[in-house]
Amino acid sequence: MDISEIRLDIEAIEQNAALSEETNFNSRADAIDNLEFNVIDRIEGLLHTINRPDELIALKQYADRVKRRLEDINNNLFRRLRADIQAGGCRGAVFKSLIDQYVGRVSSGGSQPPDEIGYDSLDLFINGLLLSQAAPTETKDREPEMVYYQQTPARIILELVEKAHLTEKDIFYDVGSGLGQVPILVHLLTGATAKGVEFEPAYSDYARESAVDLNLSGVEFINTDARTADFSDGTVFFMYTPFAGRLLQAVLDKLLAESQQRVIKLFSYGPCTPQLARQSWLKSIDQNEAHLYKLGVFTTLL
């Protein structure tokens, strides 16, 4: 690709008026990716091999301007939608229709292969809307069986909401809640009280600040070890493999004790699912226990 072809690519994006329409979020996300990885990265590579660096530097600045303009459209959109959430006017079906409007209707489970995590434009939209600040640095050392934080794909959360049939009477727990995306999204979509249990103080503080910023009184984040957490009010639990081995089993044993008081539902994602499937007190609902990156759905045996 020569300089003239690169310029034509940038001009095509700049002159595409549809990209300025707020609802064309997917197309705008694709254009930003194209500028970042196929244009700007290519220019930076060529800067080391060509004898006209001034022209390439000017072209990179042009691409950066177009990219920033598209990002500004998204940032303005997120600020407006966050204001709607703060005012209490964007909950339940209204919030789900908002997702459908800007990202398109998301089918249950998405289209990712079962052995891949996979993120898409839905994650870009949810992250930009709900997690407006940069992620903090961890402050505590993890134990060997504590798994490093990785965000739950948004499509999996939407699938969980569809299958859990949560109501405002439910108490939802995300065990190993990280930056808080799951409880915040579950509460916005269902109205259920949602709680996150997180070992890392910086993550818990970040999540709490995000919920406060969105004026969500029905979301709570608890900075504690899941092995000592109080789950006595929980009805629905989710884990995206926050632990492994004996540590995971200790938390499951704690939930077993809770299940002797009432029926609870457990949802899982990732490598923890097979260990949940081996629990004699749990029944698999959807037979996804062999698929690490499909949503596992379990309920306690009566």
Protein backbone atom coordinates (compact mmCIF):
# COMPACT_ATOMS: atom_id res chain seq x y z
CA MET A 1 0.00 0.00 0.00
CA ASP A 2 1.53 3.33 -1.08
CA ILE A 3 0.98 6.77 0.40
CA SER A 4 -1.78 7.71 -2.05
CA GLU A 5 -3.73 4.55 -1.23
CA ILE A 6 -3.43 5.23 2.49
CA ARG A 7 -4.70 8.77 1.99
CA LEU A 8 -7.68 7.49 -0.02
CA ASP A 9 -8.56 5.10 2.82
CA ILE A 10 -8.52 7.93 5.36
CA GLU A 11 -10.55 10.21 3.09
CA ALA A 12 -13.18 7.48 2.54
CA ILE A 13 -13.68 7.22 6.30
CA GLU A 14 -13.70 10.99 6.81
CA GLN A 15 -16.26 11.53 4.05
CA ASN A 16 -18.62 8.74 5.21
CA ALA A 17 -21.42 10.85 6.71
CA ALA A 18 -23.17 7.78 8.14
CA LEU A 19 -20.33 7.34 10.65
CA SER A 20 -21.39 10.59 12.33
CA GLU A 21 -24.85 9.21 13.13
CA GLU A 22 -24.88 8.10 16.77
CA THR A 23 -26.79 4.89 16.10
CA ASN A 24 -24.13 3.61 13.67
CA PHE A 25 -21.94 2.51 16.58
CA ASN A 26 -20.84 -0.79 15.00
CA SER A 27 -19.70 0.86 11.76
CA ARG A 28 -17.92 3.58 13.69
CA ALA A 29 -16.14 0.98 15.85
CA ASP A 30 -15.01 -0.83 12.68
CA ALA A 31 -13.75 2.46 11.19
CA ILE A 32 -11.79 3.30 14.35
CA ASP A 33 -10.22 -0.16 14.31
CA ASN A 34 -9.38 0.23 10.63
CA LEU A 35 -7.67 3.56 11.28
CA GLU A 36 -5.79 2.22 14.29
CA PHE A 37 -4.55 -1.10 12.93
CA ASN A 38 -4.63 -0.84 9.13
CA VAL A 39 -3.70 2.81 8.66
CA ILE A 40 -1.85 4.30 11.63
CA ASP A 41 0.09 1.12 12.42
CA ARG A 42 0.98 0.76 8.72
CA ILE A 43 2.20 4.36 8.56
CA GLU A 44 4.35 3.87 11.65
CA GLY A 45 5.91 0.82 10.01
CA LEU A 46 6.60 2.71 6.80
CA LEU A 47 8.27 5.59 8.65
CA HIS A 48 11.30 3.35 9.15
CA THR A 49 11.57 2.33 5.52
CA ILE A 50 10.74 5.33 3.34
CA ASN A 51 12.60 8.48 2.32
CA ARG A 52 9.63 10.86 2.69
CA PRO A 53 9.00 10.89 6.45
CA ASP A 54 7.48 14.40 6.48
CA GLU A 55 4.66 13.34 4.17
CA LEU A 56 4.02 10.21 6.26
CA ILE A 57 4.03 12.18 9.51
CA ALA A 58 1.44 14.56 8.08
CA LEU A 59 -0.63 11.57 6.92
CA LYS A 60 -0.50 10.02 10.38
CA GLN A 61 -1.64 13.30 11.93
CA TYR A 62 -4.54 13.34 9.45
CA ALA A 63 -5.53 9.80 10.42
CA ASP A 64 -5.27 10.65 14.12
CA ARG A 65 -7.62 13.64 13.63
CA VAL A 66 -10.23 11.51 11.87
CA LYS A 67 -9.95 8.83 14.53
CA ARG A 68 -10.34 11.36 17.36
CA ARG A 69 -13.44 12.82 15.69
CA LEU A 70 -15.09 9.41 15.61
CA GLU A 71 -14.06 8.72 19.21
CA ASP A 72 -15.52 12.08 20.26
CA ILE A 73 -18.89 11.04 18.80
CA ASN A 74 -18.81 7.92 20.99
CA ASN A 75 -17.67 9.83 24.06
CA ASN A 76 -20.47 12.37 23.67
CA LEU A 77 -22.95 9.53 23.21
CA PHE A 78 -21.75 7.79 26.38
CA ARG A 79 -21.94 11.01 28.40
CA ARG A 80 -25.54 11.57 27.32
CA LEU A 81 -26.58 7.99 28.02
CA ARG A 82 -24.84 7.99 31.41
CA ALA A 83 -26.83 11.12 32.29
CA ASP A 84 -30.03 9.22 31.42
CA ILE A 85 -28.96 6.34 33.69
CA GLN A 86 -28.09 8.75 36.51
CA ALA A 87 -31.56 10.30 36.22
CA GLY A 88 -33.16 6.86 36.65
CA GLY A 89 -34.80 6.83 33.24
CA CYS A 90 -32.83 4.01 31.67
CA ARG A 91 -33.59 0.66 33.29
CA GLY A 92 -34.95 -2.78 32.39
CA ALA A 93 -36.55 -3.05 28.96
CA VAL A 94 -35.63 0.56 28.19
CA PHE A 95 -31.95 -0.20 28.78
CA LYS A 96 -32.13 -3.42 26.72
CA SER A 97 -33.77 -1.53 23.83
CA LEU A 98 -30.96 1.02 24.08
CA ILE A 99 -28.41 -1.77 23.54
CA ASP A 100 -30.44 -3.07 20.60
CA GLN A 101 -30.64 0.42 19.12
CA TYR A 102 -26.93 1.18 19.21
CA VAL A 103 -25.32 -2.25 18.82
CA GLY A 104 -28.08 -4.31 17.26
CA ARG A 105 -30.12 -7.14 18.68
CA VAL A 106 -27.76 -9.50 20.50
CA SER A 107 -28.72 -13.16 20.30
CA SER A 108 -28.39 -15.34 23.37
CA GLY A 109 -24.85 -16.66 23.66
CA GLY A 110 -23.56 -14.73 20.68
CA SER A 111 -21.76 -16.29 17.73
CA GLN A 112 -18.34 -16.95 19.22
CA PRO A 113 -16.99 -20.52 19.00
CA PRO A 114 -17.45 -22.48 22.27
CA ASP A 115 -13.71 -22.69 22.96
CA GLU A 116 -12.99 -18.98 22.60
CA ILE A 117 -13.73 -16.04 24.89
CA GLY A 118 -14.29 -13.49 22.13
CA TYR A 119 -15.11 -9.81 22.52
CA ASP A 120 -16.99 -7.64 20.03
CA SER A 121 -18.58 -4.23 19.55
CA LEU A 122 -21.09 -4.97 22.32
CA ASP A 123 -18.19 -5.05 24.77
CA LEU A 124 -16.84 -1.77 23.39
CA PHE A 125 -20.25 -0.18 23.90
CA ILE A 126 -20.80 -1.52 27.43
CA ASN A 127 -17.25 -0.65 28.51
CA GLY A 128 -17.53 2.88 27.18
CA LEU A 129 -20.91 3.35 28.84
CA LEU A 130 -20.33 1.76 32.25
CA LEU A 131 -16.56 1.81 32.82
CA SER A 132 -15.51 5.34 32.01
CA GLN A 133 -12.12 5.39 33.79
CA ALA A 134 -8.90 3.49 33.16
CA ALA A 135 -8.52 0.25 35.12
CA PRO A 136 -6.52 0.59 38.35
CA THR A 137 -3.33 -1.26 39.23
CA GLU A 138 -3.64 -4.24 41.57
CA THR A 139 -2.44 -3.61 45.12
CA LYS A 140 -2.46 -7.12 46.63
CA ASP A 141 -0.65 -10.32 45.70
CA ARG A 142 -2.96 -13.08 44.54
CA GLU A 143 -2.77 -16.53 46.09
CA PRO A 144 -1.62 -19.24 43.62
CA GLU A 145 -5.19 -20.47 42.98
CA MET A 146 -6.61 -16.98 42.43
CA VAL A 147 -7.06 -16.36 38.71
CA TYR A 148 -6.04 -13.01 37.20
CA TYR A 149 -8.91 -10.69 36.31
CA GLN A 150 -10.44 -10.95 32.88
CA GLN A 151 -13.64 -9.22 31.89
CA THR A 152 -16.77 -11.27 31.24
CA PRO A 153 -17.95 -10.88 27.61
CA ALA A 154 -21.08 -8.73 27.63
CA ARG A 155 -23.03 -11.20 25.51
CA ILE A 156 -22.60 -13.78 28.30
CA ILE A 157 -24.11 -11.36 30.83
CA LEU A 158 -27.09 -10.76 28.56
CA GLU A 159 -27.52 -14.52 28.19
CA LEU A 160 -27.35 -14.92 31.97
CA VAL A 161 -30.08 -12.30 32.39
CA GLU A 162 -32.28 -14.12 29.87
CA LYS A 163 -31.88 -17.49 31.58
CA ALA A 164 -31.89 -16.42 35.25
CA HIS A 165 -35.34 -14.77 35.15
CA LEU A 166 -34.25 -12.34 37.85
CA THR A 167 -36.79 -10.14 39.58
CA GLU A 168 -36.49 -7.25 42.00
CA LYS A 169 -36.84 -9.78 44.84
CA ASP A 170 -33.61 -11.59 43.86
CA ILE A 171 -30.17 -10.93 45.30
CA PHE A 172 -27.51 -11.53 42.67
CA TYR A 173 -23.85 -12.15 43.53
CA ASP A 174 -20.87 -11.95 41.20
CA VAL A 175 -18.11 -13.88 42.97
CA GLY A 176 -14.83 -12.26 41.89
CA SER A 177 -16.44 -9.15 40.47
CA GLY A 178 -13.35 -7.28 39.25
CA LEU A 179 -14.25 -3.83 37.91
CA GLY A 180 -17.95 -4.39 38.53
CA GLN A 181 -19.35 -4.66 35.03
CA VAL A 182 -21.47 -7.76 35.73
CA PRO A 183 -23.40 -6.53 38.80
CA ILE A 184 -23.97 -3.09 37.25
CA LEU A 185 -25.27 -4.56 33.99
CA VAL A 186 -27.43 -7.17 35.75
CA HIS A 187 -29.02 -4.50 37.94
CA LEU A 188 -29.68 -2.16 35.01
CA LEU A 189 -31.34 -4.93 33.01
CA THR A 190 -33.40 -6.56 35.78
CA GLY A 191 -33.76 -4.25 38.77
CA ALA A 192 -32.48 -7.01 41.04
CA THR A 193 -30.14 -6.06 43.86
CA ALA A 194 -26.67 -6.97 42.61
CA LYS A 195 -23.56 -7.45 44.73
CA GLY A 196 -19.95 -8.01 43.76
CA VAL A 197 -17.45 -9.78 45.99
CA GLU A 198 -13.86 -8.87 45.14
CA PHE A 199 -10.53 -9.62 46.83
CA GLU A 200 -8.58 -6.72 45.25
CA PRO A 201 -9.33 -3.39 47.00
CA ALA A 202 -8.46 -1.24 43.98
CA TYR A 203 -10.94 -3.14 41.80
CA SER A 204 -13.64 -2.99 44.46
CA ASP A 205 -13.14 0.77 44.90
CA TYR A 206 -13.26 1.30 41.14
CA ALA A 207 -16.50 -0.67 40.83
CA ARG A 208 -18.08 1.14 43.77
CA GLU A 209 -17.20 4.53 42.28
CA SER A 210 -18.69 3.47 38.93
CA ALA A 211 -21.98 2.50 40.59
CA VAL A 212 -22.10 5.74 42.59
CA ASP A 213 -21.34 7.77 39.45
CA LEU A 214 -24.33 6.11 37.73
CA ASN A 215 -26.56 6.67 40.79
CA LEU A 216 -27.23 2.95 41.23
CA SER A 217 -28.30 2.36 44.82
CA GLY A 218 -29.17 -1.27 44.08
CA VAL A 219 -25.55 -2.23 43.40
CA GLU A 220 -23.05 -3.02 46.15
CA PHE A 221 -19.40 -4.05 46.09
CA ILE A 222 -17.82 -5.90 48.99
CA ASN A 223 -14.05 -6.05 49.34
CA THR A 224 -13.49 -9.39 51.04
CA ASP A 225 -12.25 -12.93 50.57
CA ALA A 226 -15.05 -15.04 49.06
CA ARG A 227 -14.25 -17.80 51.55
CA THR A 228 -15.42 -15.56 54.39
CA ALA A 229 -18.12 -13.55 52.56
CA ASP A 230 -21.70 -13.49 53.81
CA PHE A 231 -23.88 -15.01 51.07
CA SER A 232 -26.90 -15.60 53.31
CA ASP A 233 -29.23 -13.41 51.22
CA GLY A 234 -28.08 -14.60 47.78
CA THR A 235 -30.43 -16.33 45.35
CA VAL A 236 -28.42 -16.24 42.11
CA PHE A 237 -24.61 -16.52 41.83
CA PHE A 238 -22.16 -16.06 38.96
CA MET A 239 -18.49 -16.98 38.61
CA TYR A 240 -16.16 -16.29 35.72
CA THR A 241 -13.48 -18.63 37.10
CA PRO A 242 -12.15 -16.37 39.86
CA PHE A 243 -10.37 -19.31 41.51
CA ALA A 244 -9.21 -22.83 40.81
CA GLY A 245 -8.60 -26.04 42.71
CA ARG A 246 -9.07 -26.16 46.46
CA LEU A 247 -9.84 -22.47 46.76
CA LEU A 248 -12.73 -22.80 44.31
CA GLN A 249 -13.94 -25.88 46.16
CA ALA A 250 -13.89 -24.00 49.47
CA VAL A 251 -16.19 -21.34 48.00
CA LEU A 252 -18.45 -24.01 46.49
CA ASP A 253 -18.66 -25.71 49.88
CA LYS A 254 -19.76 -22.39 51.32
CA LEU A 255 -22.49 -22.15 48.70
CA LEU A 256 -23.49 -25.75 49.44
CA ALA A 257 -24.23 -24.68 53.01
CA GLU A 258 -26.39 -21.85 51.65
CA SER A 259 -28.24 -24.27 49.37
CA GLN A 260 -29.41 -26.23 52.40
CA GLN A 261 -31.42 -23.18 53.43
CA ARG A 262 -33.02 -22.39 50.03
CA VAL A 263 -32.83 -23.17 46.32
CA ILE A 264 -30.10 -21.17 44.60
CA LYS A 265 -28.99 -20.85 40.98
CA LEU A 266 -25.36 -20.82 39.89
CA PHE A 267 -24.04 -19.54 36.55
CA SER A 268 -20.47 -20.12 35.46
CA TYR A 269 -18.12 -19.23 32.62
CA GLY A 270 -14.65 -20.48 31.83
CA PRO A 271 -12.54 -23.31 33.27
CA CYS A 272 -14.45 -23.43 36.58
CA THR A 273 -17.53 -24.92 34.90
CA PRO A 274 -16.36 -28.58 34.91
CA GLN A 275 -15.68 -28.37 38.66
CA LEU A 276 -19.20 -27.07 39.24
CA ALA A 277 -20.54 -29.93 37.12
CA ARG A 278 -18.85 -32.43 39.44
CA GLN A 279 -20.70 -31.15 42.52
CA SER A 280 -23.24 -33.75 43.63
CA TRP A 281 -25.56 -31.06 45.00
CA LEU A 282 -25.84 -29.21 41.68
CA LYS A 283 -27.90 -30.07 38.63
CA SER A 284 -26.84 -28.86 35.18
CA ILE A 285 -29.71 -27.16 33.37
CA ASP A 286 -28.36 -26.61 29.86
CA GLN A 287 -25.72 -29.35 29.45
CA ASN A 288 -22.96 -26.81 28.72
CA GLU A 289 -20.64 -28.20 31.38
CA ALA A 290 -18.24 -29.56 28.73
CA HIS A 291 -17.87 -26.14 27.05
CA LEU A 292 -15.53 -23.80 28.92
CA TYR A 293 -16.68 -20.69 27.09
CA LYS A 294 -20.40 -21.21 27.07
CA LEU A 295 -22.54 -20.16 29.99
CA GLY A 296 -22.96 -22.94 32.52
CA VAL A 297 -26.34 -23.01 34.27
CA PHE A 298 -26.86 -24.95 37.49
CA THR A 299 -29.48 -25.20 40.21
CA THR A 300 -29.43 -26.91 43.58
CA LEU A 301 -31.09 -30.28 43.94
CA LEU A 302 -34.27 -30.35 46.01
